[in-house]
Every structure is written in C-alpha cells, then in structure tokens.
C-alpha cells in the first residue's frame, strides 16, 4: 500500500506496472526499515538499496565490495518485511561469476525484493588495478542470462541489466552492451553515470526496454525529457544518507559538549516516530493479544 495525496491508502503498483505505465517517477534511497517507511509515507513507490549504502549501514565501510551477498540479502529482507516500497536492490556484480549471480538472484527473490540489477564491472578491485574496469561483453551477457534463469519463468522479481560503461569507456560501448543485454530476457536497463543528455539520447536510439537512470548529472533532470527517452525511474543517488549522518553527528556532538536533549534541534515529532516505528499496528496487536 502507498499514500495518496489525500492521505487515504491506495493499492501499491508493482514494479512491473510502474515500468509499463506512462511517466517517469523519482525513486528514494533507502537502507533500512525506517527509511523505507519514510519513503512510503512521502509517496515513493520505489526504494533503492544501493550496494554502497548497504556497505555503509551494515559494515560501516566504504563502497569497496567488502559486503557479502548474505549480508546484502539480509538487509533487503529486513526492508521487505515492512511491505513499504517496491525495493530495487543493487547487487553489484552478483558477488562472483555467473553461478554466484544465480545464487544471489535466488536469495534476493526469496527475500521479497521487487527488482535487482546486476552490473558488468570487474569487482572486487583486482591487485594492481587502478579505477574501474568492465568484464568482457561475453561474460556480461552470460551473467545476465544466468540472472534471468535463476529468477525463473514464474518469478516475480524483475532483472535489471546495468552497465558502468559510461564511467569506463563511452556511449558507443554502453549502447553495444545494453543491446546485447536486452536479448538475454532482462526486464529493464539500469544506466548510471550519465554526464550529458546526448549520452542518454544515444542509448534511447538503440534500446527498447524501460530505462532506469541513477547517479547522473543534474542537467538530465527533466521528467518530461526523461519520459521521452524511455526512462521510467530516476534516482539521484544516496545523498540523503549523508544528510542523515550529518544530523546524527551534530546531535551527538551537542550532547557530548554538554547540551541537554531538550535543546536538540530538528527532532522527529511524536507522530513521525510513531509512523516509522509502525506503532499503530503494534498497539492494535498488543490490545488484541496482551490485554
């Protein structure tokens, strides 16, 4: 369920329905049940659990692929049990080769994830390598095929093929890779790192599947333009996590410096805390079973 503009509950569209519908919506960066509930309460239909922010929140580590598939899946499961938003999970490289991709996809689908993207980067960083690099086109195709097979013909989770070519090579290579990935049976294409509209224009000319754009330059942000290029979901990135970290830092700093809790600024209201903690449902359960 999701909130309508008048506060009434309406049926939540599935990720498949969103990709098939007109328009381009904005996804929210989420990383735990509370952030997912906040996203839902603000009207978001799609939440994205990035590999980077998962590493930050689960391990307190940078985005250098120290996170394991098991840890990612468990964080996704915690979010999905709240039934808040359609959760799209960035599964990085699938945590290994094509067979590892199959295991990762199976586990994420069992956790209740709505969509998962697999990318064509070489991860983790090999010895002696500087910067990003990509797997061969042949291996990238095999990984996408493996993901589709692991999802199964009757699986509900969508498979998104992601290329990081715009950060490593160029638009021509990105287009070639996405065209090849389209043929594997994936449901949509995930494209990050776009720097200018001309790059998206080139991609839109050669692919037909729905496109999800993330972490790209602000110059591309125009929902009407994005829709005209086949983009169904736009995501800025995970900047909101950094905002939350700064807010926590400032509050802790104030307390350590001798401040009183009553002096803290920007505290969530009681109503907001009750919403993110799902108090209404738990109160009803307590009344029914404990009183």
Protein backbone atom coordinates (compact mmCIF):
# COMPACT_ATOMS: atom_id res chain seq x y z
CA UNK A 1 0.00 0.00 0.00
CA UNK A 2 1.05 3.60 -0.53
CA UNK A 3 -0.26 7.00 0.49
CA UNK A 4 -2.32 9.10 -1.89
CA UNK A 5 -2.26 12.90 -1.80
CA UNK A 6 -5.35 13.00 0.44
CA UNK A 7 -3.87 10.58 2.97
CA UNK A 8 -6.02 7.58 2.00
CA UNK A 9 -4.43 4.20 1.38
CA UNK A 10 -4.38 3.01 -2.22
CA UNK A 11 -3.06 -0.19 -3.78
CA UNK A 12 0.64 -0.08 -4.48
CA UNK A 13 1.61 -0.60 -8.09
CA UNK A 14 4.09 -3.37 -8.73
CA UNK A 15 7.47 -2.54 -10.23
CA UNK A 16 6.34 -4.22 -13.45
CA UNK A 17 3.27 -1.99 -13.59
CA UNK A 18 5.39 1.09 -12.97
CA UNK A 19 7.73 0.24 -15.83
CA UNK A 20 4.78 -0.35 -18.15
CA UNK A 21 2.94 2.85 -17.24
CA UNK A 22 3.43 6.33 -18.73
CA UNK A 23 5.63 8.81 -16.91
CA UNK A 24 8.93 8.83 -15.06
CA UNK A 25 8.94 8.67 -11.26
CA UNK A 26 11.60 9.51 -8.69
CA UNK A 27 12.92 6.68 -6.53
CA UNK A 28 14.06 7.08 -2.94
CA UNK A 29 17.34 5.89 -1.48
CA UNK A 30 16.53 3.52 1.39
CA UNK A 31 18.76 1.44 3.62
CA UNK A 32 16.65 0.07 6.50
CA UNK A 33 13.00 -0.39 7.53
CA UNK A 34 12.72 3.14 8.93
CA UNK A 35 13.97 4.84 5.77
CA UNK A 36 11.66 2.61 3.72
CA UNK A 37 8.65 3.61 5.81
CA UNK A 38 9.59 7.26 5.47
CA UNK A 39 9.80 6.85 1.70
CA UNK A 40 6.35 5.26 1.59
CA UNK A 41 4.83 7.92 3.81
CA UNK A 42 6.14 10.61 1.46
CA UNK A 43 4.56 8.91 -1.55
CA UNK A 44 7.50 7.00 -3.02
CA UNK A 45 6.64 3.81 -4.84
CA UNK A 46 10.22 2.64 -5.42
CA UNK A 47 13.08 2.47 -2.94
CA UNK A 48 16.63 1.63 -3.95
CA UNK A 49 19.05 -0.21 -1.67
CA UNK A 50 22.42 0.59 -3.20
CA UNK A 51 25.44 -1.64 -2.76
CA UNK A 52 27.35 1.37 -1.48
CA UNK A 53 24.84 2.46 1.16
CA UNK A 54 24.35 -1.17 2.21
CA UNK A 55 28.08 -1.36 2.88
CA UNK A 56 27.91 1.89 4.83
CA UNK A 57 24.99 0.86 7.04
CA UNK A 58 25.77 -2.83 7.55
CA UNK A 59 29.56 -2.64 7.87
CA UNK A 60 30.38 1.00 8.42
CA UNK A 61 32.73 0.59 5.47
CA UNK A 62 33.29 2.38 2.15
CA UNK A 63 31.99 1.04 -1.15
CA UNK A 64 34.85 -1.35 -1.89
CA UNK A 65 32.84 -4.60 -2.07
CA UNK A 66 33.61 -5.90 1.41
CA UNK A 67 29.92 -6.65 1.88
CA UNK A 68 28.89 -10.25 1.25
CA UNK A 69 25.84 -11.43 -0.65
CA UNK A 70 24.40 -12.87 2.57
CA UNK A 71 24.67 -9.51 4.34
CA UNK A 72 23.03 -7.70 1.41
CA UNK A 73 20.18 -10.22 1.26
CA UNK A 74 19.51 -9.99 5.00
CA UNK A 75 19.34 -6.20 4.88
CA UNK A 76 16.96 -6.44 1.92
CA UNK A 77 14.83 -8.96 3.83
CA UNK A 78 14.54 -6.59 6.80
CA UNK A 79 13.26 -3.86 4.48
CA UNK A 80 10.89 -6.09 2.52
CA UNK A 81 9.16 -7.42 5.64
CA UNK A 82 7.82 -3.89 6.22
CA UNK A 83 5.88 -4.02 2.92
CA UNK A 84 6.64 -0.34 2.32
CA UNK A 85 8.01 0.35 -1.15
CA UNK A 86 8.92 -1.69 -4.18
CA UNK A 87 12.53 -2.48 -3.26
CA UNK A 88 15.11 -2.37 -6.02
CA UNK A 89 18.43 -3.83 -4.89
CA UNK A 90 21.80 -3.06 -6.44
CA UNK A 91 23.52 -6.45 -6.31
CA UNK A 92 26.74 -5.11 -7.81
CA UNK A 93 28.49 -7.84 -9.84
CA UNK A 94 26.36 -10.60 -8.32
CA UNK A 95 29.17 -11.41 -5.88
CA UNK A 96 31.20 -13.54 -8.24
CA UNK A 97 30.86 -15.28 -11.56
CA UNK A 98 27.64 -16.25 -13.34
CA UNK A 99 26.96 -19.11 -10.94
CA UNK A 100 27.34 -16.76 -7.98
CA UNK A 101 24.90 -14.43 -9.74
CA UNK A 102 22.33 -17.23 -9.82
CA UNK A 103 22.69 -17.81 -6.08
CA UNK A 104 22.41 -14.09 -5.34
CA UNK A 105 19.31 -13.70 -7.50
CA UNK A 106 17.60 -16.71 -5.91
CA UNK A 107 18.22 -15.41 -2.41
CA UNK A 108 17.06 -11.86 -3.17
CA UNK A 109 13.88 -13.14 -4.80
CA UNK A 110 13.15 -15.28 -1.74
CA UNK A 111 13.62 -12.17 0.42
CA UNK A 112 10.78 -10.43 -1.41
CA UNK A 113 12.79 -7.94 -3.48
CA UNK A 114 10.91 -6.34 -6.40
CA UNK A 115 13.87 -5.85 -8.70
CA UNK A 116 17.62 -6.50 -8.78
CA UNK A 117 20.30 -5.07 -11.01
CA UNK A 118 23.47 -6.92 -11.99
CA UNK A 119 26.36 -4.88 -13.40
CA UNK A 120 29.27 -5.60 -15.71
CA UNK A 121 32.09 -4.18 -13.58
CA UNK A 122 35.13 -6.17 -12.51
CA UNK A 123 34.68 -6.45 -8.74
CA UNK A 124 36.22 -6.51 -6.22
CA UNK A 125 39.25 -4.50 -7.30
CA UNK A 126 41.97 -6.88 -8.59
CA UNK A 127 45.56 -6.49 -7.48
CA UNK A 128 47.37 -3.76 -9.39
CA UNK A 129 44.24 -2.25 -10.95
CA UNK A 130 43.51 1.46 -10.74
CA UNK A 131 40.00 2.67 -11.41
CA UNK A 132 37.04 0.74 -12.74
CA UNK A 133 37.14 -1.87 -15.46
CA UNK A 134 34.48 -3.96 -17.18
CA UNK A 135 34.11 -7.68 -17.76
CA UNK A 136 34.09 -8.76 -21.39
CA UNK A 137 30.83 -8.37 -23.27
CA UNK A 138 30.60 -12.16 -23.48
CA UNK A 139 30.85 -12.55 -19.70
CA UNK A 140 28.41 -9.71 -19.15
CA UNK A 141 25.85 -11.48 -21.35
CA UNK A 142 26.40 -14.76 -19.51
CA UNK A 143 25.79 -13.06 -16.17
CA UNK A 144 22.53 -11.55 -17.38
CA UNK A 145 21.40 -14.88 -18.80
CA UNK A 146 22.22 -16.57 -15.51
CA UNK A 147 20.24 -13.96 -13.59
CA UNK A 148 17.17 -14.44 -15.78
CA UNK A 149 17.39 -18.22 -15.45
CA UNK A 150 17.75 -18.05 -11.66
CA UNK A 151 14.71 -15.79 -11.41
CA UNK A 152 12.72 -18.39 -13.31
CA UNK A 153 9.79 -18.02 -15.74
CA UNK A 154 7.30 -17.58 -12.90
CA UNK A 155 9.40 -15.40 -10.62
CA UNK A 156 8.04 -12.02 -9.56
CA UNK A 157 11.36 -10.22 -9.20
CA UNK A 158 12.48 -8.16 -12.18
CA UNK A 159 16.03 -8.41 -13.52
CA UNK A 160 17.76 -5.17 -14.50
CA UNK A 161 20.91 -5.21 -16.59
CA UNK A 162 23.34 -2.50 -15.55
CA UNK A 163 26.35 -1.25 -17.44
CA UNK A 164 29.01 1.02 -15.95
CA UNK A 165 30.42 1.75 -19.39
CA UNK A 166 29.79 5.49 -19.09
CA UNK A 167 32.28 5.59 -16.23
CA UNK A 168 34.86 3.46 -18.04
CA UNK A 169 34.54 3.62 -21.85
CA UNK A 170 31.95 5.59 -23.83
CA UNK A 171 28.37 5.82 -25.08
CA UNK A 172 29.08 3.59 -28.07
CA UNK A 173 30.31 0.75 -25.87
CA UNK A 174 27.43 1.31 -23.45
CA UNK A 175 24.93 1.04 -26.29
CA UNK A 176 26.55 -2.13 -27.60
CA UNK A 177 26.46 -3.74 -24.19
CA UNK A 178 22.87 -2.73 -23.44
CA UNK A 179 21.70 -4.04 -26.82
CA UNK A 180 23.31 -7.39 -26.04
CA UNK A 181 21.87 -7.49 -22.53
CA UNK A 182 18.38 -6.73 -23.87
CA UNK A 183 18.46 -10.00 -25.80
CA UNK A 184 19.03 -12.07 -22.64
CA UNK A 185 15.47 -11.63 -21.36
CA UNK A 186 16.10 -8.97 -18.70
CA UNK A 187 13.19 -6.70 -17.84
CA UNK A 188 14.83 -3.28 -17.86
CA UNK A 189 18.15 -1.47 -18.22
CA UNK A 190 19.94 0.37 -15.41
CA UNK A 191 22.23 3.18 -16.54
CA UNK A 192 24.31 5.26 -14.09
CA UNK A 193 26.98 7.94 -14.53
CA UNK A 194 25.45 9.84 -17.45
CA UNK A 195 27.08 13.25 -17.81
CA UNK A 196 25.03 14.85 -20.59
CA UNK A 197 21.77 14.41 -22.47
CA UNK A 198 23.50 13.35 -25.66
CA UNK A 199 24.61 10.15 -23.94
CA UNK A 200 21.06 9.21 -22.99
CA UNK A 201 19.89 10.17 -26.49
CA UNK A 202 22.34 7.68 -27.99
CA UNK A 203 21.16 4.92 -25.67
CA UNK A 204 17.48 5.61 -26.33
CA UNK A 205 18.07 5.18 -30.08
CA UNK A 206 19.36 1.63 -29.79
CA UNK A 207 17.35 0.01 -26.96
CA UNK A 208 13.67 -0.67 -26.42
CA UNK A 209 13.40 -1.83 -22.80
CA UNK A 210 12.47 0.58 -19.98
CA UNK A 211 15.45 2.53 -18.64
CA UNK A 212 16.35 3.42 -15.06
CA UNK A 213 18.83 6.28 -14.65
CA UNK A 214 20.80 6.82 -11.44
CA UNK A 215 23.62 8.96 -10.14
CA UNK A 216 23.75 11.16 -13.22
CA UNK A 217 24.32 14.85 -13.89
CA UNK A 218 21.59 17.29 -12.88
CA UNK A 219 21.42 18.57 -16.47
CA UNK A 220 19.46 15.43 -17.40
CA UNK A 221 16.78 16.01 -14.79
CA UNK A 222 13.61 16.88 -16.63
CA UNK A 223 10.86 14.33 -16.16
CA UNK A 224 9.20 15.12 -19.49
CA UNK A 225 12.51 14.75 -21.33
CA UNK A 226 13.38 11.56 -19.45
CA UNK A 227 10.00 10.03 -20.27
CA UNK A 228 10.53 10.85 -23.94
CA UNK A 229 13.74 8.78 -23.84
CA UNK A 230 12.10 5.74 -22.27
CA UNK A 231 13.25 6.44 -18.72
CA UNK A 232 10.73 5.13 -16.19
CA UNK A 233 12.63 5.71 -12.95
CA UNK A 234 15.09 8.44 -11.97
CA UNK A 235 17.26 8.22 -8.88
CA UNK A 236 19.62 10.95 -7.74
CA UNK A 237 21.90 8.82 -5.60
CA UNK A 238 22.33 8.28 -1.87
CA UNK A 239 22.85 11.86 -0.72
CA UNK A 240 20.04 11.58 1.84
CA UNK A 241 22.14 9.07 3.77
CA UNK A 242 24.92 11.65 4.07
CA UNK A 243 22.35 14.18 5.33
CA UNK A 244 21.20 11.69 7.99
CA UNK A 245 24.80 11.03 9.06
CA UNK A 246 25.45 14.76 9.46
CA UNK A 247 22.28 15.21 11.51
CA UNK A 248 23.28 12.35 13.81
CA UNK A 249 26.81 13.77 14.09
CA UNK A 250 25.51 17.21 15.06
CA UNK A 251 23.10 15.84 17.68
CA UNK A 252 25.76 13.63 19.26
CA UNK A 253 28.26 16.46 19.22
CA UNK A 254 25.82 18.72 21.03
CA UNK A 255 25.23 16.12 23.76
CA UNK A 256 28.95 15.39 24.18
CA UNK A 257 29.56 19.15 24.52
CA UNK A 258 27.16 19.28 27.47
CA UNK A 259 23.88 20.05 25.77
CA UNK A 260 20.54 18.79 27.03
CA UNK A 261 18.25 16.57 24.97
CA UNK A 262 15.56 19.25 25.20
CA UNK A 263 17.91 21.63 23.36
CA UNK A 264 18.39 19.39 20.33
CA UNK A 265 17.04 20.81 17.09
CA UNK A 266 15.11 19.13 14.27
CA UNK A 267 13.91 16.18 16.34
CA UNK A 268 11.29 13.99 14.71
CA UNK A 269 7.81 14.66 16.01
CA UNK A 270 5.97 12.05 18.04
CA UNK A 271 3.69 11.44 15.04
CA UNK A 272 6.65 10.82 12.75
CA UNK A 273 8.28 8.45 15.24
CA UNK A 274 5.03 6.51 15.60
CA UNK A 275 4.82 6.23 11.82
CA UNK A 276 8.37 4.97 11.24
CA UNK A 277 8.07 2.51 14.14
CA UNK A 278 4.65 1.27 12.97
CA UNK A 279 3.19 1.90 16.44
CA UNK A 280 -0.40 1.81 15.28
CA UNK A 281 -0.17 -1.81 14.13
CA UNK A 282 1.82 -2.94 17.14
CA UNK A 283 -0.58 -1.18 19.53
CA UNK A 284 -3.51 -2.98 17.90
CA UNK A 285 -1.73 -6.33 18.25
CA UNK A 286 -0.91 -5.67 21.89
CA UNK A 287 -4.55 -4.78 22.61
CA UNK A 288 -5.78 -7.94 20.90
CA UNK A 289 -3.30 -10.42 22.32
CA UNK A 290 -1.87 -8.96 25.51
CA UNK A 291 -4.82 -7.31 27.21
